[in-house]
Structures are given as C-alpha cells and as structure tokens.
C-alpha cells in the first residue's frame, strides 16, 4: 500500500485512490500529501492508495491472478474492512475505473460516490472490457518500448503488459519534472 494516512479519526472522509495499469499506489503520493494538508470544516481525510494484486509491493505474480476480481482484491478488502455505517469515495485512474465499478457493485452500501479521473468507465449494456476494446480501436498511440509477453506456452493465461521507459517518459509522465 502506498501512503496511508489519517489526520484524525473523528468524522473522517474515507478516500481510496486506485491506480491504473502499470502503476501502483505510489503514483498518488502528491495527491495524498495535498489532501492531508486540507481540512475542510474541521473534517479530516482517511486516505489509502492500495497496490492492486501483482502490483507494487504486493508479492503476487500475475499468473496467480486469474480474474479481474482477484486483481481488484485489495480495493475490495479496503471496503470490506470499513466499519459498518461508514462509506468511502473510491477514485479510479485509467484501468482503476473498472476496479471502482466492481467495488461499487460489490459494496454499494459502503460507496458514497465514485470518481473517474481519466479513467475507463463501462456502460451498462456491454461487458467492462468493451471500453478497453473501443479505446484500442480509436486511439493509436505509438507503443515504443512497451512489452506484452505471454505468461505460459499454451496461451491459457492472459499476457502481461508493461510500459517501457521511453513510453513512460513520452506519454505518461511527460509533464513531470525529472526530479524525484
């Protein structure tokens, strides 16, 4: 889990920041810091940015994550562990949009609202993967040094995908400073 922080536990607003593909919870660190510096009307924020399965510090391997529900497990767990009567606002970026939809479906009583931040948002008529297929058909961004690799010789497992350094620099973090 990237940064998880609490300013105070009384009347806290729960925010769960969900990363996109090829990322993990660390990508939210500046957002977490900024939110924690705010305190509207005496309320505080309880913020978590979990690493989804097989991402970040999660020790799982992609081949052990057969279903999207398994990949989204850390987000589902965060909602499951919320105390009764409390709600959270999941914020999804990129592929994280599909994760927050699943979370809202699984735990409607624990989700106050969902926020799609440059995220995939499925419609109610098509399978969730439909938005990914539409994106691939409409936008042809150079793949540069991205890697897609089969996980097994029989092609029974989904292929793994990873952004390459050039693609990341030119298309993902092109507006970020080179400083760490």
Protein backbone atom coordinates (compact mmCIF):
# COMPACT_ATOMS: atom_id res chain seq x y z
CA UNK A 1 0.00 0.00 0.00
CA UNK A 2 1.38 3.38 -0.89
CA UNK A 3 0.81 6.14 1.56
CA UNK A 4 -1.99 5.54 4.00
CA UNK A 5 -2.61 8.40 6.35
CA UNK A 6 -5.05 9.82 8.82
CA UNK A 7 -5.16 13.31 10.23
CA UNK A 8 -7.71 12.34 12.85
CA UNK A 9 -10.18 9.51 13.13
CA UNK A 10 -13.24 11.58 14.05
CA UNK A 11 -15.61 12.36 11.21
CA UNK A 12 -13.02 11.34 8.62
CA UNK A 13 -13.86 11.15 4.95
CA UNK A 14 -12.55 7.85 3.53
CA UNK A 15 -10.89 8.18 0.14
CA UNK A 16 -9.46 5.17 -1.70
CA UNK A 17 -7.14 6.08 -4.58
CA UNK A 18 -6.92 3.32 -7.20
CA UNK A 19 -4.01 3.26 -9.63
CA UNK A 20 -4.15 2.36 -13.29
CA UNK A 21 -2.32 -0.21 -15.36
CA UNK A 22 1.48 -0.46 -14.93
CA UNK A 23 1.38 1.59 -11.72
CA UNK A 24 0.89 1.07 -8.04
CA UNK A 25 -0.24 3.14 -5.09
CA UNK A 26 2.92 5.30 -5.01
CA UNK A 27 1.70 7.28 -8.02
CA UNK A 28 -0.80 9.06 -5.73
CA UNK A 29 1.77 10.37 -3.23
CA UNK A 30 1.41 14.06 -4.19
CA UNK A 31 -2.38 13.82 -4.15
CA UNK A 32 -2.28 12.20 -0.71
CA UNK A 33 0.03 14.93 0.61
CA UNK A 34 -2.20 17.69 -0.78
CA UNK A 35 -5.42 16.19 0.58
CA UNK A 36 -3.87 15.75 4.00
CA UNK A 37 -2.89 19.41 4.01
CA UNK A 38 -6.56 20.37 3.67
CA UNK A 39 -9.09 20.25 6.46
CA UNK A 40 -12.49 21.49 5.29
CA UNK A 41 -14.78 22.48 8.14
CA UNK A 42 -12.81 20.54 10.71
CA UNK A 43 -13.25 17.25 8.83
CA UNK A 44 -10.26 15.14 8.05
CA UNK A 45 -9.40 12.59 5.41
CA UNK A 46 -8.51 8.96 5.81
CA UNK A 47 -6.71 8.12 2.59
CA UNK A 48 -5.43 4.81 1.29
CA UNK A 49 -3.80 4.06 -2.04
CA UNK A 50 -3.58 0.26 -2.16
CA UNK A 51 -1.36 -1.65 -4.53
CA UNK A 52 -3.73 -3.84 -6.52
CA UNK A 53 -2.80 -7.51 -6.85
CA UNK A 54 0.53 -8.25 -8.56
CA UNK A 55 1.36 -4.52 -8.46
CA UNK A 56 3.82 -2.52 -6.38
CA UNK A 57 4.82 -4.16 -3.13
CA UNK A 58 2.15 -6.85 -3.50
CA UNK A 59 4.14 -10.07 -3.71
CA UNK A 60 1.67 -11.84 -6.01
CA UNK A 61 2.52 -12.80 -9.55
CA UNK A 62 0.23 -12.01 -12.45
CA UNK A 63 -0.17 -15.68 -13.35
CA UNK A 64 -1.66 -16.23 -9.88
CA UNK A 65 -4.32 -13.54 -10.51
CA UNK A 66 -6.70 -15.31 -12.91
CA UNK A 67 -9.70 -12.99 -12.61
CA UNK A 68 -10.16 -9.22 -12.58
CA UNK A 69 -11.92 -9.63 -9.21
CA UNK A 70 -8.67 -11.08 -7.83
CA UNK A 71 -6.66 -8.17 -9.26
CA UNK A 72 -9.09 -5.74 -7.59
CA UNK A 73 -8.95 -7.68 -4.28
CA UNK A 74 -7.01 -5.06 -2.27
CA UNK A 75 -9.63 -2.41 -3.10
CA UNK A 76 -12.46 -4.79 -2.24
CA UNK A 77 -10.71 -5.60 1.05
CA UNK A 78 -10.38 -1.90 1.90
CA UNK A 79 -14.14 -1.51 1.51
CA UNK A 80 -14.88 -4.77 3.32
CA UNK A 81 -12.87 -3.57 6.33
CA UNK A 82 -14.65 -0.22 6.60
CA UNK A 83 -16.64 -0.05 9.83
CA UNK A 84 -20.40 -0.57 9.47
CA UNK A 85 -22.19 2.64 8.58
CA UNK A 86 -19.12 4.30 7.06
CA UNK A 87 -18.66 4.96 3.37
CA UNK A 88 -15.73 5.66 1.10
CA UNK A 89 -15.12 7.51 -2.14
CA UNK A 90 -13.07 5.33 -4.50
CA UNK A 91 -11.15 7.36 -7.08
CA UNK A 92 -10.01 5.39 -10.12
CA UNK A 93 -7.41 6.38 -12.70
CA UNK A 94 -7.12 4.66 -16.09
CA UNK A 95 -7.84 0.95 -15.62
CA UNK A 96 -8.66 1.77 -12.00
CA UNK A 97 -12.03 2.98 -13.31
CA UNK A 98 -13.05 -0.61 -13.95
CA UNK A 99 -11.89 -1.58 -10.46
CA UNK A 100 -14.01 1.09 -8.76
CA UNK A 101 -17.07 -0.01 -10.75
CA UNK A 102 -16.59 -3.55 -9.48
CA UNK A 103 -16.15 -2.23 -5.94
CA UNK A 104 -19.35 -0.16 -6.15
CA UNK A 105 -21.21 -3.23 -7.41
CA UNK A 106 -19.85 -5.44 -4.63
CA UNK A 107 -20.27 -2.93 -1.79
CA UNK A 108 -23.00 -0.44 -2.73
CA UNK A 109 -23.70 0.36 0.93
CA UNK A 110 -20.05 1.30 1.53
CA UNK A 111 -19.52 3.55 -1.51
CA UNK A 112 -20.64 7.17 -1.17
CA UNK A 113 -19.60 8.11 -4.72
CA UNK A 114 -17.13 7.02 -7.38
CA UNK A 115 -14.71 9.37 -9.11
CA UNK A 116 -13.33 8.57 -12.55
CA UNK A 117 -10.09 10.50 -13.09
CA UNK A 118 -9.07 10.00 -16.72
CA UNK A 119 -10.43 6.51 -16.21
CA UNK A 120 -12.27 3.86 -18.15
CA UNK A 121 -15.98 3.95 -17.37
CA UNK A 122 -18.01 1.00 -18.63
CA UNK A 123 -21.56 1.34 -19.84
CA UNK A 124 -24.45 -0.75 -18.56
CA UNK A 125 -25.05 -2.59 -21.84
CA UNK A 126 -21.62 -4.07 -22.63
CA UNK A 127 -19.05 -6.13 -20.75
CA UNK A 128 -16.48 -3.98 -18.91
CA UNK A 129 -13.75 -4.97 -21.38
CA UNK A 130 -15.73 -3.25 -24.17
CA UNK A 131 -14.33 0.17 -23.19
CA UNK A 132 -10.79 -1.18 -23.49
CA UNK A 133 -11.54 -2.54 -26.96
CA UNK A 134 -13.09 0.78 -28.02
CA UNK A 135 -10.03 2.66 -26.78
CA UNK A 136 -7.66 0.38 -28.70
CA UNK A 137 -9.69 0.89 -31.90
CA UNK A 138 -9.92 4.70 -31.61
CA UNK A 139 -6.52 5.74 -30.30
CA UNK A 140 -3.32 4.61 -31.88
CA UNK A 141 -0.52 5.83 -29.63
CA UNK A 142 2.95 4.61 -30.51
CA UNK A 143 3.79 1.69 -28.27
CA UNK A 144 7.54 2.48 -28.40
CA UNK A 145 9.22 0.13 -25.92
CA UNK A 146 6.17 -1.30 -24.16
CA UNK A 147 6.26 -5.05 -23.64
CA UNK A 148 3.49 -7.59 -23.94
CA UNK A 149 4.59 -11.10 -23.06
CA UNK A 150 2.78 -14.42 -22.85
CA UNK A 151 2.86 -15.91 -19.37
CA UNK A 152 2.67 -19.51 -20.50
CA UNK A 153 3.46 -21.52 -23.61
CA UNK A 154 -0.16 -22.62 -24.05
CA UNK A 155 -1.64 -19.08 -24.03
CA UNK A 156 -4.10 -20.10 -21.32
CA UNK A 157 -3.11 -17.20 -19.08
CA UNK A 158 -3.53 -13.54 -20.03
CA UNK A 159 -0.44 -11.84 -21.41
CA UNK A 160 1.47 -9.49 -19.14
CA UNK A 161 1.92 -5.87 -20.17
CA UNK A 162 4.48 -3.32 -19.04
CA UNK A 163 5.15 0.29 -20.02
CA UNK A 164 8.66 0.79 -21.31
CA UNK A 165 10.87 3.67 -20.09
CA UNK A 166 10.54 5.64 -23.36
CA UNK A 167 6.76 5.26 -23.45
CA UNK A 168 6.51 6.28 -19.80
CA UNK A 169 8.66 9.37 -20.32
CA UNK A 170 6.90 10.50 -23.52
CA UNK A 171 3.26 9.52 -22.83
CA UNK A 172 2.68 9.03 -19.12
CA UNK A 173 4.91 11.39 -17.13
CA UNK A 174 5.81 13.84 -19.92
CA UNK A 175 4.66 16.80 -17.79
CA UNK A 176 6.52 15.69 -14.66
CA UNK A 177 9.90 17.06 -13.70
CA UNK A 178 12.87 14.73 -13.94
CA UNK A 179 13.45 15.22 -10.20
CA UNK A 180 12.33 12.55 -7.78
